[in-house]
Every structure is written in C-alpha cells, then in structure tokens.
Protein backbone atom coordinates (compact mmCIF):
# COMPACT_ATOMS: atom_id res chain seq x y z
CA MET A 1 14.18 -24.31 69.41
CA VAL A 2 17.81 -24.93 70.99
CA TRP A 3 19.82 -27.20 68.53
CA TRP A 4 23.09 -27.08 70.35
CA TRP A 5 22.05 -30.84 71.64
CA TRP A 6 22.64 -32.42 68.12
CA ILE A 7 24.86 -29.79 66.34
CA LEU A 8 27.68 -29.89 69.22
CA PRO A 9 27.68 -33.50 69.46
CA ALA A 10 27.77 -33.71 65.50
CA VAL A 11 30.80 -31.43 65.11
CA ILE A 12 32.37 -33.29 68.06
CA GLY A 13 31.74 -36.90 66.48
CA LEU A 14 33.24 -35.68 62.95
CA ALA A 15 36.50 -34.60 64.59
CA GLY A 16 36.30 -37.99 66.60
CA VAL A 17 35.71 -39.83 63.20
CA VAL A 18 38.46 -38.01 61.58
CA THR A 19 40.92 -38.34 64.27
CA LEU A 20 39.83 -42.02 64.33
CA PHE A 21 40.69 -42.66 60.55
CA ALA A 22 44.07 -40.51 60.74
CA GLY A 23 45.06 -42.82 63.62
CA LEU A 24 44.28 -46.02 61.62
CA GLY A 25 46.10 -44.69 58.55
CA ALA A 26 48.98 -43.91 60.67
CA LEU A 27 49.08 -47.45 62.34
CA PHE A 28 48.71 -49.04 58.82
CA GLY A 29 51.57 -46.69 57.68
CA GLY A 30 54.14 -47.72 59.87
CA ARG A 31 53.89 -45.30 62.91
CA PRO A 32 52.62 -47.59 65.66
CA VAL A 33 52.56 -45.09 68.62
CA SER A 34 51.11 -41.89 67.14
CA GLY A 35 48.64 -44.07 65.06
CA LEU A 36 47.89 -45.82 68.30
CA LEU A 37 47.36 -42.58 70.24
CA ARG A 38 45.28 -40.97 67.63
CA THR A 39 42.75 -44.34 67.30
CA ILE A 40 42.51 -43.99 71.05
CA GLY A 41 41.52 -40.46 70.92
CA GLY A 42 39.29 -40.47 68.12
CA ALA A 43 37.47 -43.46 69.84
CA GLY A 44 37.33 -41.28 73.17
CA VAL A 45 35.92 -38.16 71.17
CA GLY A 46 33.49 -40.25 69.40
CA ALA A 47 32.24 -41.77 72.84
CA ALA A 48 32.07 -38.17 74.42
CA ALA A 49 29.91 -36.96 71.52
CA GLY A 50 27.53 -40.03 71.90
CA PHE A 51 27.34 -39.27 75.57
CA LEU A 52 26.68 -35.55 74.78
CA ALA A 53 24.21 -36.33 72.11
CA LEU A 54 22.02 -38.63 74.64
CA ALA A 55 22.44 -36.07 77.89
CA GLY A 56 21.16 -33.33 75.44
CA MET A 57 18.38 -35.44 74.25
CA ASN A 58 17.27 -36.11 77.73
CA VAL A 59 17.42 -32.29 78.51
CA GLN A 60 15.75 -31.65 75.42
CA THR A 61 12.63 -34.17 75.96
CA TYR A 62 12.19 -32.37 79.42
CA SER A 63 12.44 -28.77 78.09
CA ARG A 64 10.06 -29.45 75.20
CA LEU A 65 7.23 -31.65 76.91
CA THR A 66 7.14 -28.87 79.37
CA TYR A 67 7.14 -25.68 77.13
CA GLU A 68 4.56 -23.46 77.08
CA ARG A 69 3.67 -19.58 75.66
CA PRO A 70 1.13 -16.92 76.32
CA VAL A 71 -2.19 -17.42 74.52
CA ALA A 72 -4.31 -13.92 76.17
CA THR A 73 -4.45 -11.75 78.90
CA LEU A 74 -8.18 -11.16 80.38
CA SER A 75 -8.91 -8.25 82.57
CA LEU A 76 -12.43 -7.71 84.41
CA GLU A 77 -14.55 -4.88 85.32
CA ARG A 78 -17.70 -5.51 87.25
CA VAL A 79 -20.98 -3.72 85.58
CA GLY A 80 -23.38 -5.62 87.74
CA PRO A 81 -24.61 -8.59 89.64
CA GLN A 82 -23.28 -11.50 87.42
CA HIS A 83 -22.06 -9.11 84.54
CA PHE A 84 -18.62 -8.11 83.59
CA THR A 85 -16.98 -6.22 80.93
CA ALA A 86 -13.99 -8.56 79.88
CA HIS A 87 -10.69 -6.77 78.16
CA LEU A 88 -9.18 -9.65 76.22
CA GLU A 89 -5.69 -9.19 74.80
CA LEU A 90 -4.45 -11.43 72.39
CA ALA A 91 -0.65 -12.70 72.33
CA ASP A 92 1.43 -11.94 69.46
CA THR A 93 1.04 -15.45 68.22
CA ALA A 94 -2.88 -15.48 68.76
CA SER A 95 -4.78 -15.43 65.54
CA GLN A 96 -4.73 -12.47 63.03
CA ARG A 97 -5.60 -9.97 65.63
CA ARG A 98 -2.06 -9.86 67.27
CA GLY A 99 -1.59 -7.74 70.14
CA SER A 100 -5.15 -6.34 69.77
CA LEU A 101 -7.29 -5.17 72.86
CA GLN A 102 -10.76 -6.83 72.58
CA THR A 103 -13.72 -6.03 74.87
CA TYR A 104 -16.62 -8.45 75.49
CA ASP A 105 -19.90 -8.22 77.61
CA ILE A 106 -19.78 -11.22 80.16
CA HIS A 107 -22.53 -12.85 82.21
CA GLY A 108 -22.04 -15.44 84.58
CA ASP A 109 -19.67 -16.36 87.78
CA GLU A 110 -17.17 -17.47 85.51
CA TRP A 111 -15.27 -16.65 82.47
CA ARG A 112 -14.08 -19.50 79.74
CA ILE A 113 -12.10 -18.93 76.85
CA GLU A 114 -11.89 -22.22 74.50
CA ALA A 115 -9.78 -23.37 71.58
CA ARG A 116 -8.85 -26.25 69.13
CA VAL A 117 -5.60 -28.10 69.77
CA LEU A 118 -3.64 -30.00 67.54
CA ARG A 119 -1.12 -32.14 69.83
CA TRP A 120 1.83 -33.70 68.37
CA LYS A 121 3.36 -37.12 69.35
CA PRO A 122 6.07 -36.99 71.80
CA TRP A 123 8.75 -37.76 69.31
CA ALA A 124 7.89 -34.84 67.20
CA ASN A 125 7.28 -32.90 70.16
CA VAL A 126 10.98 -33.52 71.13
CA LEU A 127 12.15 -32.59 67.73
CA GLY A 128 10.51 -29.17 67.85
CA LEU A 129 6.79 -29.24 66.78
CA ASP A 130 4.72 -27.43 69.68
CA SER A 131 1.12 -27.98 70.19
CA GLN A 132 -0.87 -25.90 67.88
CA TYR A 133 -3.84 -23.93 68.46
CA GLN A 134 -6.66 -21.74 67.17
CA LEU A 135 -8.80 -20.04 69.60
CA ASP A 136 -12.72 -20.70 69.66
CA ARG A 137 -14.80 -19.08 72.10
CA LEU A 138 -14.95 -16.70 75.17
CA SER A 139 -18.21 -17.07 76.90
CA GLY A 140 -19.79 -16.52 80.24
CA ARG A 141 -20.53 -19.76 82.93
CA TYR A 142 -22.56 -19.79 85.93
CA ILE A 143 -21.97 -21.72 88.97
CA ARG A 144 -25.98 -22.69 89.57
CA THR A 145 -27.06 -25.20 86.91
CA GLU A 146 -30.24 -23.37 87.11
CA ASP A 147 -28.82 -19.91 86.46
CA GLU A 148 -26.88 -21.73 83.32
CA LEU A 149 -30.24 -23.04 82.09
CA ASN A 150 -32.27 -19.77 82.38
CA ALA A 151 -29.65 -16.93 83.35
CA GLN A 152 -28.49 -14.52 80.16
CA ARG A 153 -25.91 -15.92 78.30
CA SER A 154 -22.75 -14.48 76.39
CA ALA A 155 -20.17 -16.31 74.20
CA TYR A 156 -18.13 -14.65 71.62
CA ASP A 157 -16.29 -16.30 68.31
CA LEU A 158 -12.68 -15.97 68.55
CA ARG A 159 -12.08 -18.09 65.53
CA PRO A 160 -9.85 -15.93 62.88
CA THR A 161 -11.24 -14.77 59.49
CA GLU A 162 -8.65 -14.20 57.23
CA GLU A 163 -9.12 -16.16 54.20
CA ASN A 164 -5.47 -17.15 53.74
CA GLN A 165 -5.37 -18.33 57.33
CA ILE A 166 -4.07 -21.76 57.75
CA ASP A 167 -6.71 -24.31 59.21
CA LEU A 168 -4.50 -26.65 61.20
CA TRP A 169 -7.68 -28.20 62.50
CA ALA A 170 -8.66 -29.34 59.09
CA LEU A 171 -5.14 -30.22 58.04
CA GLY A 172 -4.59 -32.48 61.43
CA ARG A 173 -7.56 -34.48 60.38
CA GLN A 174 -5.64 -35.29 57.07
CA TYR A 175 -3.41 -37.81 58.34
CA ASP A 176 -2.28 -38.59 55.11
CA ILE A 177 -0.58 -35.10 54.90
CA LEU A 178 0.93 -34.72 58.50
CA GLY A 179 1.53 -38.67 58.92
CA GLU A 180 2.10 -40.32 61.77
CA ALA A 181 3.38 -37.16 63.40
CA VAL A 182 -0.28 -36.10 64.91
CA ASP A 183 -1.03 -37.55 68.43
CA THR A 184 -4.67 -36.11 68.61
CA LEU A 185 -7.00 -33.11 68.09
CA TYR A 186 -9.56 -31.94 70.42
CA GLY A 187 -11.13 -28.88 72.21
CA SER A 188 -9.28 -27.41 75.27
CA GLY A 189 -10.76 -24.88 77.53
CA ALA A 190 -9.56 -22.83 80.76
CA ALA A 191 -12.15 -21.11 83.11
CA MET A 192 -11.70 -19.10 85.95
CA PRO A 193 -14.10 -16.89 88.44
CA MET A 194 -14.70 -13.29 87.62
CA ALA A 195 -14.04 -10.59 90.09
CA ASP A 196 -13.73 -6.80 89.95
CA GLY A 197 -10.43 -5.57 88.56
CA ALA A 198 -9.59 -9.43 88.39
CA ARG A 199 -6.47 -10.10 86.18
CA TYR A 200 -5.84 -13.53 84.15
CA GLU A 201 -3.33 -14.86 81.78
CA VAL A 202 -3.92 -17.81 79.25
CA TRP A 203 -1.15 -19.90 78.13
CA ILE A 204 -1.06 -22.97 75.80
CA THR A 205 0.97 -25.83 77.14
CA GLN A 206 1.83 -28.87 75.33
CA SER A 207 -1.38 -30.95 76.54
CA GLY A 208 -3.62 -27.62 76.14
CA LEU A 209 -4.77 -24.37 77.57
CA ILE A 210 -4.26 -23.23 81.47
CA ALA A 211 -5.42 -20.04 83.14
CA ARG A 212 -3.19 -18.30 85.74
CA ALA A 213 -4.26 -15.38 88.51
CA VAL A 214 -1.88 -12.72 87.86
CA ASN A 215 -2.75 -10.21 90.38
CA PRO A 216 -4.28 -9.92 94.01
CA GLN A 217 -8.04 -9.93 92.95
CA ALA A 218 -7.86 -12.54 90.55
CA GLN A 219 -5.75 -14.60 93.05
CA GLU A 220 -8.75 -14.05 95.61
CA ALA A 221 -11.06 -14.93 93.48
CA ALA A 222 -9.59 -17.99 92.44
CA ALA A 223 -9.19 -19.09 96.21
CA SER A 224 -12.55 -18.33 97.10
CA GLY A 225 -14.50 -18.49 93.60
CA TRP A 226 -14.62 -22.41 93.45
CA ARG A 227 -17.60 -23.59 95.50
C-alpha cells in the first residue's frame, strides 16, 4: 500500500500548525507584522495539507477499489476430444504450493477455477485491506447440459493442506473477531473455453476471480468458444 497520501499531508499539516502557533505567539508578544504573516502562512499550509489529504484519499479510493493481483497461470494441451492436460502454475501469493506447477487431467469444453473470497467493506478496502481468497477447486465443464450430466467429469481440490494455514473463511464468519470490516464471504469462479496450446491468467480483484486469455490460441478460443 502507498502511504504517502496521509503521511505527506500529516507532515505538512504539522508544519502548518507549528507555524500558526508561532505566529499567534508573535502577535501576542508584540510583533504584529511577523506574527500576522506567520499566522496567515500557517493557516495556508494547513489548508494545503487538508487539500492534499482529500486529493490523496480520492486517488487512493480509485486505486484500491480497482486493485488486482495474479492468482495462477493455466496452459492447456489437447489429449483427445473434450480431453485436455492442464498445467496450473500458482502465483507466489496462492496457497502453500507457491510458484509450483501442477498437472491435471481435464474433461469438458471449458475449465473452471473456483475460490472462496473474503471481501472487505469499501472503507476498509481504501485503508489497504485487499480481498482475500483461498483456492478451492479446478474442474472441467461441458457446454451441453446432456454432456454435463452424462459425460466424464473431472474436479480437483486446490485447498491448502498445511495445518498452520490460517482459514480466513472461518475467521470471516466470526464477525466478533473481524468486526464491521467484513462485507461478505462468497464463492467466486472464473471459466474459459479450452483449446490446444491456450494459455490463460487468473487474477483476483476486489470483487472476485477473473480470467484473461494471454496468447492467440486462448484469445481465439475465448472469441469463438462461447456458444
């Protein structure tokens, strides 16, 4: 988090207060001209600090509410009809398998990754609390409902297994611990069509998971795969 938006105005405001009191002291000490100039200068510096604080908070609001960070990269290789090998590389911030590359056998027309998300209220978000997530599942999806009901399914557990892993989902339900800062807890997912050689990136935003096509194969699949 960038803290300048309140540290800089605080320093300037402190300087303004010191100057203002010095000016008042000079006024009451028999130095009206210098006292008046210092008082006016101190008030002006204080006003500038207030303006910087408001402007910085406004900028901070936009930057925090649109902040996003990487979760994983997924690459696909076709094995057969509606059958792919998925290589999932987790970002440094994702679960205990940081930076690891896992391989999964996926059946279907699309892949889907899911997570549990803890979303903070806007005021807490602006102060620097970003939405937290815990990866939950990777699975395949079929476009046709008939295939979804009858064809081969594939689903894999992505939840962390470390005993000392902090369960934010459990903590988030204890509002007496997290207070009024928690907005909601919910499941979020992102899905994209599968294609041979396609590569996707998954990101966490303040509102949940999103997926982006990052190479031509994925972009072509995303453009034509939704039908």
